[in-house]
Amino acid sequence: MTTQTKHHIPWFLWPFAALWRLLAMIVELTGRFVAMVLGIVFIVVGMIVSLTIIGAIVGVPLAIVGLLLFLKGLF
Protein backbone atom coordinates (compact mmCIF):
# COMPACT_ATOMS: atom_id res chain seq x y z
CA MET A 1 0.00 0.00 0.00
CA THR A 2 1.12 3.51 -0.60
CA THR A 3 1.79 5.99 2.14
CA GLN A 4 -0.45 8.99 1.78
CA THR A 5 0.73 12.39 2.81
CA LYS A 6 -1.68 15.03 3.98
CA HIS A 7 -2.06 17.60 1.25
CA HIS A 8 -4.78 20.17 1.30
CA ILE A 9 -6.88 19.72 -1.82
CA PRO A 10 -9.04 22.68 -2.84
CA TRP A 11 -12.75 21.90 -2.83
CA PHE A 12 -13.11 22.39 -6.59
CA LEU A 13 -10.37 19.81 -7.31
CA TRP A 14 -11.75 17.19 -4.92
CA PRO A 15 -13.65 15.18 -7.60
CA PHE A 16 -10.47 14.83 -9.65
CA ALA A 17 -8.46 13.74 -6.63
CA ALA A 18 -11.12 11.19 -5.67
CA LEU A 19 -11.17 9.81 -9.22
CA TRP A 20 -7.35 9.60 -9.23
CA ARG A 21 -7.32 7.67 -5.93
CA LEU A 22 -10.01 5.29 -7.22
CA LEU A 23 -8.01 4.60 -10.38
CA ALA A 24 -4.83 4.04 -8.35
CA MET A 25 -6.64 1.51 -6.15
CA ILE A 26 -8.02 -0.33 -9.19
CA VAL A 27 -4.56 -0.54 -10.78
CA GLU A 28 -3.08 -1.86 -7.53
CA LEU A 29 -5.75 -4.55 -7.15
CA THR A 30 -5.44 -5.53 -10.82
CA GLY A 31 -1.69 -5.98 -10.41
CA ARG A 32 -2.24 -8.26 -7.43
CA PHE A 33 -4.80 -10.30 -9.35
CA VAL A 34 -2.47 -10.72 -12.33
CA ALA A 35 0.34 -11.82 -10.00
CA MET A 36 -1.92 -14.42 -8.40
CA VAL A 37 -3.11 -15.78 -11.77
CA LEU A 38 0.46 -15.97 -13.10
CA GLY A 39 1.52 -17.73 -9.89
CA ILE A 40 -1.17 -20.39 -10.32
CA VAL A 41 -0.21 -20.86 -13.99
CA PHE A 42 3.47 -21.27 -13.05
CA ILE A 43 2.58 -23.81 -10.36
CA VAL A 44 0.49 -25.89 -12.76
CA VAL A 45 3.08 -25.73 -15.55
CA GLY A 46 5.86 -26.58 -13.09
CA MET A 47 3.95 -29.61 -11.84
CA ILE A 48 3.26 -30.81 -15.40
CA VAL A 49 6.89 -30.33 -16.48
CA SER A 50 8.21 -32.09 -13.39
CA LEU A 51 6.38 -35.34 -14.21
CA THR A 52 9.54 -36.49 -15.99
CA ILE A 53 12.89 -36.78 -14.21
CA ILE A 54 14.65 -34.53 -16.71
CA GLY A 55 11.85 -31.95 -16.51
CA ALA A 56 12.04 -31.84 -12.72
CA ILE A 57 15.19 -29.74 -13.01
CA VAL A 58 13.08 -26.97 -14.53
CA GLY A 59 9.64 -27.84 -13.16
CA VAL A 60 10.33 -27.74 -9.43
CA PRO A 61 11.94 -24.26 -9.44
CA LEU A 62 9.15 -23.03 -11.73
CA ALA A 63 6.53 -24.27 -9.27
CA ILE A 64 8.40 -22.65 -6.37
CA VAL A 65 8.58 -19.32 -8.21
CA GLY A 66 4.86 -19.64 -8.96
CA LEU A 67 4.11 -20.27 -5.29
CA LEU A 68 6.16 -17.24 -4.24
CA LEU A 69 4.45 -15.08 -6.86
CA PHE A 70 1.02 -16.24 -5.70
CA LEU A 71 1.88 -15.52 -2.07
CA LYS A 72 3.20 -12.07 -2.98
CA GLY A 73 -0.06 -11.29 -4.75
CA LEU A 74 -2.04 -12.54 -1.78
CA PHE A 75 -0.16 -10.61 0.91
PDB file of N, CA and C in Angstrom:
ATOM      1  N   MET A   1       0.837  -1.162   0.000  1.00  0.00           N
ATOM      2  CA  MET A   1       0.000   0.000   0.000  1.00  0.00           C
ATOM      3  C   MET A   1       0.891   1.237   0.000  1.00  0.00           C
ATOM      4  N   THR A   2       0.347   2.289  -0.530  1.00  0.00           N
ATOM      5  CA  THR A   2       1.122   3.514  -0.599  1.00  0.00           C
ATOM      6  C   THR A   2       0.884   4.358   0.648  1.00  0.00           C
ATOM      7  N   THR A   3       1.899   5.091   1.017  1.00  0.00           N
ATOM      8  CA  THR A   3       1.786   5.992   2.145  1.00  0.00           C
ATOM      9  C   THR A   3       1.241   7.318   1.638  1.00  0.00           C
ATOM     10  N   GLN A   4       0.150   7.748   2.226  1.00  0.00           N
ATOM     11  CA  GLN A   4      -0.452   8.990   1.776  1.00  0.00           C
ATOM     12  C   GLN A   4      -0.015  10.124   2.685  1.00  0.00           C
ATOM     13  N   THR A   5       0.383  11.195   2.040  1.00  0.00           N
ATOM     14  CA  THR A   5       0.727  12.387   2.806  1.00  0.00           C
ATOM     15  C   THR A   5      -0.491  13.284   2.845  1.00  0.00           C
ATOM     16  N   LYS A   6      -0.531  14.141   3.832  1.00  0.00           N
ATOM     17  CA  LYS A   6      -1.676  15.028   3.983  1.00  0.00           C
ATOM     18  C   LYS A   6      -1.431  16.305   3.188  1.00  0.00           C
ATOM     19  N   HIS A   7      -2.096  16.397   2.064  1.00  0.00           N
ATOM     20  CA  HIS A   7      -2.063  17.604   1.253  1.00  0.00           C
ATOM     21  C   HIS A   7      -3.455  18.205   1.269  1.00  0.00           C
ATOM     22  N   HIS A   8      -3.497  19.490   1.366  1.00  0.00           N
ATOM     23  CA  HIS A   8      -4.783  20.165   1.302  1.00  0.00           C
ATOM     24  C   HIS A   8      -5.208  20.258  -0.157  1.00  0.00           C
ATOM     25  N   ILE A   9      -6.360  19.690  -0.457  1.00  0.00           N
ATOM     26  CA  ILE A   9      -6.883  19.717  -1.820  1.00  0.00           C
ATOM     27  C   ILE A   9      -8.021  20.739  -1.849  1.00  0.00           C
ATOM     28  N   PRO A  10      -7.942  21.706  -2.743  1.00  0.00           N
ATOM     29  CA  PRO A  10      -9.038  22.678  -2.836  1.00  0.00           C
ATOM     30  C   PRO A  10     -10.357  21.971  -3.161  1.00  0.00           C
ATOM     31  N   TRP A  11     -11.450  22.545  -2.694  1.00  0.00           N
ATOM     32  CA  TRP A  11     -12.752  21.903  -2.830  1.00  0.00           C
ATOM     33  C   TRP A  11     -13.136  21.667  -4.287  1.00  0.00           C
ATOM     34  N   PHE A  12     -12.718  22.540  -5.194  1.00  0.00           N
ATOM     35  CA  PHE A  12     -13.110  22.395  -6.593  1.00  0.00           C
ATOM     36  C   PHE A  12     -12.292  21.316  -7.315  1.00  0.00           C
ATOM     37  N   LEU A  13     -11.174  20.883  -6.718  1.00  0.00           N
ATOM     38  CA  LEU A  13     -10.368  19.807  -7.312  1.00  0.00           C
ATOM     39  C   LEU A  13     -10.635  18.453  -6.658  1.00  0.00           C
ATOM     40  N   TRP A  14     -11.489  18.428  -5.642  1.00  0.00           N
ATOM     41  CA  TRP A  14     -11.750  17.191  -4.921  1.00  0.00           C
ATOM     42  C   TRP A  14     -12.269  16.061  -5.813  1.00  0.00           C
ATOM     43  N   PRO A  15     -13.199  16.294  -6.757  1.00  0.00           N
ATOM     44  CA  PRO A  15     -13.654  15.180  -7.602  1.00  0.00           C
ATOM     45  C   PRO A  15     -12.527  14.549  -8.412  1.00  0.00           C
ATOM     46  N   PHE A  16     -11.597  15.373  -8.889  1.00  0.00           N
ATOM     47  CA  PHE A  16     -10.472  14.834  -9.654  1.00  0.00           C
ATOM     48  C   PHE A  16      -9.535  14.016  -8.767  1.00  0.00           C
ATOM     49  N   ALA A  17      -9.313  14.478  -7.566  1.00  0.00           N
ATOM     50  CA  ALA A  17      -8.463  13.742  -6.630  1.00  0.00           C
ATOM     51  C   ALA A  17      -9.114  12.415  -6.237  1.00  0.00           C
ATOM     52  N   ALA A  18     -10.419  12.422  -6.022  1.00  0.00           N
ATOM     53  CA  ALA A  18     -11.118  11.192  -5.673  1.00  0.00           C
ATOM     54  C   ALA A  18     -11.066  10.189  -6.830  1.00  0.00           C
ATOM     55  N   LEU A  19     -11.253  10.679  -8.046  1.00  0.00           N
ATOM     56  CA  LEU A  19     -11.167   9.805  -9.218  1.00  0.00           C
ATOM     57  C   LEU A  19      -9.761   9.238  -9.372  1.00  0.00           C
ATOM     58  N   TRP A  20      -8.741  10.062  -9.130  1.00  0.00           N
ATOM     59  CA  TRP A  20      -7.353   9.601  -9.232  1.00  0.00           C
ATOM     60  C   TRP A  20      -7.059   8.508  -8.201  1.00  0.00           C
ATOM     61  N   ARG A  21      -7.540   8.683  -6.972  1.00  0.00           N
ATOM     62  CA  ARG A  21      -7.324   7.671  -5.933  1.00  0.00           C
ATOM     63  C   ARG A  21      -8.050   6.378  -6.258  1.00  0.00           C
ATOM     64  N   LEU A  22      -9.261   6.484  -6.823  1.00  0.00           N
ATOM     65  CA  LEU A  22     -10.006   5.293  -7.221  1.00  0.00           C
ATOM     66  C   LEU A  22      -9.261   4.533  -8.311  1.00  0.00           C
ATOM     67  N   LEU A  23      -8.758   5.248  -9.301  1.00  0.00           N
ATOM     68  CA  LEU A  23      -8.006   4.605 -10.380  1.00  0.00           C
ATOM     69  C   LEU A  23      -6.724   3.956  -9.855  1.00  0.00           C
ATOM     70  N   ALA A  24      -6.053   4.603  -8.924  1.00  0.00           N
ATOM     71  CA  ALA A  24      -4.834   4.037  -8.349  1.00  0.00           C
ATOM     72  C   ALA A  24      -5.151   2.744  -7.594  1.00  0.00           C
ATOM     73  N   MET A  25      -6.261   2.714  -6.873  1.00  0.00           N
ATOM     74  CA  MET A  25      -6.643   1.512  -6.147  1.00  0.00           C
ATOM     75  C   MET A  25      -6.988   0.373  -7.113  1.00  0.00           C
ATOM     76  N   ILE A  26      -7.669   0.686  -8.202  1.00  0.00           N
ATOM     77  CA  ILE A  26      -8.018  -0.334  -9.194  1.00  0.00           C
ATOM     78  C   ILE A  26      -6.768  -0.914  -9.838  1.00  0.00           C
ATOM     79  N   VAL A  27      -5.807  -0.061 -10.177  1.00  0.00           N
ATOM     80  CA  VAL A  27      -4.560  -0.538 -10.782  1.00  0.00           C
ATOM     81  C   VAL A  27      -3.798  -1.427  -9.806  1.00  0.00           C
ATOM     82  N   GLU A  28      -3.771  -1.056  -8.534  1.00  0.00           N
ATOM     83  CA  GLU A  28      -3.075  -1.861  -7.532  1.00  0.00           C
ATOM     84  C   GLU A  28      -3.725  -3.233  -7.374  1.00  0.00           C
ATOM     85  N   LEU A  29      -5.052  -3.278  -7.299  1.00  0.00           N
ATOM     86  CA  LEU A  29      -5.748  -4.554  -7.152  1.00  0.00           C
ATOM     87  C   LEU A  29      -5.606  -5.411  -8.398  1.00  0.00           C
ATOM     88  N   THR A  30      -5.613  -4.787  -9.579  1.00  0.00           N
ATOM     89  CA  THR A  30      -5.438  -5.533 -10.818  1.00  0.00           C
ATOM     90  C   THR A  30      -4.056  -6.165 -10.869  1.00  0.00           C
ATOM     91  N   GLY A  31      -3.050  -5.432 -10.435  1.00  0.00           N
ATOM     92  CA  GLY A  31      -1.693  -5.978 -10.411  1.00  0.00           C
ATOM     93  C   GLY A  31      -1.588  -7.173  -9.487  1.00  0.00           C
ATOM     94  N   ARG A  32      -2.250  -7.129  -8.357  1.00  0.00           N
ATOM     95  CA  ARG A  32      -2.240  -8.264  -7.432  1.00  0.00           C
ATOM     96  C   ARG A  32      -2.942  -9.463  -8.050  1.00  0.00           C
ATOM     97  N   PHE A  33      -4.059  -9.210  -8.725  1.00  0.00           N
ATOM     98  CA  PHE A  33      -4.803 -10.298  -9.354  1.00  0.00           C
ATOM     99  C   PHE A  33      -3.990 -10.964 -10.449  1.00  0.00           C
ATOM    100  N   VAL A  34      -3.316 -10.167 -11.261  1.00  0.00           N
ATOM    101  CA  VAL A  34      -2.473 -10.715 -12.329  1.00  0.00           C
ATOM    102  C   VAL A  34      -1.329 -11.531 -11.737  1.00  0.00           C
ATOM    103  N   ALA A  35      -0.734 -11.073 -10.652  1.00  0.00           N
ATOM    104  CA  ALA A  35       0.344 -11.819 -10.003  1.00  0.00           C
ATOM    105  C   ALA A  35      -0.175 -13.157  -9.487  1.00  0.00           C
ATOM    106  N   MET A  36      -1.369 -13.170  -8.924  1.00  0.00           N
ATOM    107  CA  MET A  36      -1.917 -14.419  -8.404  1.00  0.00           C
ATOM    108  C   MET A  36      -2.227 -15.395  -9.537  1.00  0.00           C
ATOM    109  N   VAL A  37      -2.794 -14.907 -10.633  1.00  0.00           N
ATOM    110  CA  VAL A  37      -3.110 -15.776 -11.770  1.00  0.00           C
ATOM    111  C   VAL A  37      -1.828 -16.333 -12.382  1.00  0.00           C
ATOM    112  N   LEU A  38      -0.817 -15.486 -12.559  1.00  0.00           N
ATOM    113  CA  LEU A  38       0.464 -15.971 -13.096  1.00  0.00           C
ATOM    114  C   LEU A  38       1.105 -16.992 -12.154  1.00  0.00           C
ATOM    115  N   GLY A  39       0.985 -16.773 -10.855  1.00  0.00           N
ATOM    116  CA  GLY A  39       1.522 -17.730  -9.894  1.00  0.00           C
ATOM    117  C   GLY A  39       0.863 -19.090 -10.025  1.00  0.00           C
ATOM    118  N   ILE A  40      -0.459 -19.111 -10.164  1.00  0.00           N
ATOM    119  CA  ILE A  40      -1.170 -20.387 -10.324  1.00  0.00           C
ATOM    120  C   ILE A  40      -0.761 -21.066 -11.626  1.00  0.00           C
ATOM    121  N   VAL A  41      -0.626 -20.286 -12.698  1.00  0.00           N
ATOM    122  CA  VAL A  41      -0.206 -20.863 -13.986  1.00  0.00           C
ATOM    123  C   VAL A  41       1.190 -21.455 -13.871  1.00  0.00           C
ATOM    124  N   PHE A  42       2.113 -20.756 -13.223  1.00  0.00           N
ATOM    125  CA  PHE A  42       3.474 -21.275 -13.050  1.00  0.00           C
ATOM    126  C   PHE A  42       3.484 -22.550 -12.210  1.00  0.00           C
ATOM    127  N   ILE A  43       2.653 -22.607 -11.188  1.00  0.00           N
ATOM    128  CA  ILE A  43       2.585 -23.811 -10.358  1.00  0.00           C
ATOM    129  C   ILE A  43       2.100 -24.996 -11.184  1.00  0.00           C
ATOM    130  N   VAL A  44       1.043 -24.793 -11.945  1.00  0.00           N
ATOM    131  CA  VAL A  44       0.493 -25.889 -12.757  1.00  0.00           C
ATOM    132  C   VAL A  44       1.489 -26.333 -13.818  1.00  0.00           C
ATOM    133  N   VAL A  45       2.101 -25.381 -14.518  1.00  0.00           N
ATOM    134  CA  VAL A  45       3.079 -25.733 -15.551  1.00  0.00           C
ATOM    135  C   VAL A  45       4.290 -26.411 -14.918  1.00  0.00           C
ATOM    136  N   GLY A  46       4.731 -25.944 -13.772  1.00  0.00           N
ATOM    137  CA  GLY A  46       5.857 -26.576 -13.089  1.00  0.00           C
ATOM    138  C   GLY A  46       5.551 -28.001 -12.673  1.00  0.00           C
ATOM    139  N   MET A  47       4.326 -28.245 -12.219  1.00  0.00           N
ATOM    140  CA  MET A  47       3.951 -29.614 -11.839  1.00  0.00           C
ATOM    141  C   MET A  47       3.876 -30.516 -13.061  1.00  0.00           C
ATOM    142  N   ILE A  48       3.350 -29.999 -14.175  1.00  0.00           N
ATOM    143  CA  ILE A  48       3.256 -30.813 -15.397  1.00  0.00           C
ATOM    144  C   ILE A  48       4.644 -31.116 -15.943  1.00  0.00           C
ATOM    145  N   VAL A  49       5.529 -30.124 -15.954  1.00  0.00           N
ATOM    146  CA  VAL A  49       6.887 -30.326 -16.481  1.00  0.00           C
ATOM    147  C   VAL A  49       7.670 -31.284 -15.590  1.00  0.00           C
ATOM    148  N   SER A  50       7.418 -31.262 -14.294  1.00  0.00           N
ATOM    149  CA  SER A  50       8.208 -32.093 -13.390  1.00  0.00           C
ATOM    150  C   SER A  50       7.732 -33.547 -13.334  1.00  0.00           C
ATOM    151  N   LEU A  51       6.804 -33.934 -14.181  1.00  0.00           N
ATOM    152  CA  LEU A  51       6.381 -35.338 -14.212  1.00  0.00           C
ATOM    153  C   LEU A  51       7.481 -36.242 -14.750  1.00  0.00           C
ATOM    154  N   THR A  52       8.392 -35.699 -15.526  1.00  0.00           N
ATOM    155  CA  THR A  52       9.540 -36.489 -15.986  1.00  0.00           C
ATOM    156  C   THR A  52      10.748 -36.127 -15.121  1.00  0.00           C
ATOM    157  N   ILE A  53      11.703 -37.023 -15.037  1.00  0.00           N
ATOM    158  CA  ILE A  53      12.885 -36.785 -14.207  1.00  0.00           C
ATOM    159  C   ILE A  53      13.717 -35.640 -14.774  1.00  0.00           C
ATOM    160  N   ILE A  54      13.874 -35.605 -16.084  1.00  0.00           N
ATOM    161  CA  ILE A  54      14.651 -34.533 -16.709  1.00  0.00           C
ATOM    162  C   ILE A  54      13.944 -33.187 -16.522  1.00  0.00           C
ATOM    163  N   GLY A  55      12.614 -33.189 -16.643  1.00  0.00           N
ATOM    164  CA  GLY A  55      11.853 -31.947 -16.512  1.00  0.00           C
ATOM    165  C   GLY A  55      11.790 -31.432 -15.092  1.00  0.00           C
ATOM    166  N   ALA A  56      12.094 -32.274 -14.115  1.00  0.00           N
ATOM    167  CA  ALA A  56      12.041 -31.845 -12.718  1.00  0.00           C
ATOM    168  C   ALA A  56      13.081 -30.774 -12.422  1.00  0.00           C
ATOM    169  N   ILE A  57      14.150 -30.759 -13.205  1.00  0.00           N
ATOM    170  CA  ILE A  57      15.188 -29.743 -13.013  1.00  0.00           C
ATOM    171  C   ILE A  57      14.616 -28.352 -13.272  1.00  0.00           C
ATOM    172  N   VAL A  58      13.702 -28.252 -14.211  1.00  0.00           N
ATOM    173  CA  VAL A  58      13.076 -26.970 -14.535  1.00  0.00           C
ATOM    174  C   VAL A  58      11.734 -26.816 -13.819  1.00  0.00           C
ATOM    175  N   GLY A  59      10.992 -27.900 -13.682  1.00  0.00           N
ATOM    176  CA  GLY A  59       9.636 -27.841 -13.159  1.00  0.00           C
ATOM    177  C   GLY A  59       9.535 -27.473 -11.693  1.00  0.00           C
ATOM    178  N   VAL A  60      10.393 -28.021 -10.873  1.00  0.00           N
ATOM    179  CA  VAL A  60      10.332 -27.738  -9.432  1.00  0.00           C
ATOM    180  C   VAL A  60      10.638 -26.266  -9.142  1.00  0.00           C
ATOM    181  N   PRO A  61      11.720 -25.692  -9.688  1.00  0.00           N
ATOM    182  CA  PRO A  61      11.942 -24.259  -9.445  1.00  0.00           C
ATOM    183  C   PRO A  61      10.826 -23.378 -10.017  1.00  0.00           C
ATOM    184  N   LEU A  62      10.251 -23.790 -11.153  1.00  0.00           N
ATOM    185  CA  LEU A  62       9.149 -23.029 -11.727  1.00  0.00           C
ATOM    186  C   LEU A  62       7.941 -23.041 -10.810  1.00  0.00           C
ATOM    187  N   ALA A  63       7.651 -24.182 -10.215  1.00  0.00           N
ATOM    188  CA  ALA A  63       6.531 -24.270  -9.273  1.00  0.00           C
ATOM    189  C   ALA A  63       6.809 -23.447  -8.011  1.00  0.00           C
ATOM    190  N   ILE A  64       8.046 -23.445  -7.562  1.00  0.00           N
ATOM    191  CA  ILE A  64       8.399 -22.654  -6.371  1.00  0.00           C
ATOM    192  C   ILE A  64       8.264 -21.160  -6.656  1.00  0.00           C
ATOM    193  N   VAL A  65       8.730 -20.727  -7.819  1.00  0.00           N
ATOM    194  CA  VAL A  65       8.584 -19.319  -8.206  1.00  0.00           C
ATOM    195  C   VAL A  65       7.098 -18.962  -8.321  1.00  0.00           C
ATOM    196  N   GLY A  66       6.297 -19.871  -8.866  1.00  0.00           N
ATOM    197  CA  GLY A  66       4.860 -19.644  -8.961  1.00  0.00           C
ATOM    198  C   GLY A  66       4.217 -19.512  -7.593  1.00  0.00           C
ATOM    199  N   LEU A  67       4.641 -20.350  -6.646  1.00  0.00           N
ATOM    200  CA  LEU A  67       4.108 -20.269  -5.290  1.00  0.00           C
ATOM    201  C   LEU A  67       4.483 -18.941  -4.633  1.00  0.00           C
ATOM    202  N   LEU A  68       5.726 -18.522  -4.812  1.00  0.00           N
ATOM    203  CA  LEU A  68       6.160 -17.244  -4.238  1.00  0.00           C
ATOM    204  C   LEU A  68       5.415 -16.059  -4.873  1.00  0.00           C
ATOM    205  N   LEU A  69       5.181 -16.131  -6.174  1.00  0.00           N
ATOM    206  CA  LEU A  69       4.452 -15.076  -6.858  1.00  0.00           C
ATOM    207  C   LEU A  69       2.996 -15.025  -6.390  1.00  0.00           C
ATOM    208  N   PHE A  70       2.395 -16.187  -6.201  1.00  0.00           N
ATOM    209  CA  PHE A  70       1.018 -16.237  -5.700  1.00  0.00           C
ATOM    210  C   PHE A  70       0.938 -15.663  -4.282  1.00  0.00           C
ATOM    211  N   LEU A  71       1.886 -16.034  -3.432  1.00  0.00           N
ATOM    212  CA  LEU A  71       1.880 -15.519  -2.068  1.00  0.00           C
ATOM    213  C   LEU A  71       2.109 -14.008  -2.036  1.00  0.00           C
ATOM    214  N   LYS A  72       2.959 -13.508  -2.915  1.00  0.00           N
ATOM    215  CA  LYS A  72       3.204 -12.065  -2.981  1.00  0.00           C
ATOM    216  C   LYS A  72       1.936 -11.330  -3.415  1.00  0.00           C
ATOM    217  N   GLY A  73       1.194 -11.915  -4.330  1.00  0.00           N
ATOM    218  CA  GLY A  73      -0.059 -11.294  -4.751  1.00  0.00           C
ATOM    219  C   GLY A  73      -1.117 -11.357  -3.676  1.00  0.00           C
ATOM    220  N   LEU A  74      -1.063 -12.380  -2.840  1.00  0.00           N
ATOM    221  CA  LEU A  74      -2.044 -12.543  -1.777  1.00  0.00           C
ATOM    222  C   LEU A  74      -1.781 -11.590  -0.622  1.00  0.00           C
ATOM    223  N   PHE A  75      -0.525 -11.459  -0.233  1.00  0.00           N
ATOM    224  CA  PHE A  75      -0.165 -10.615   0.909  1.00  0.00           C
ATOM    225  C   PHE A  75       0.561  -9.429   0.419  1.00  0.00           C
TER     226      PHE A  75
END
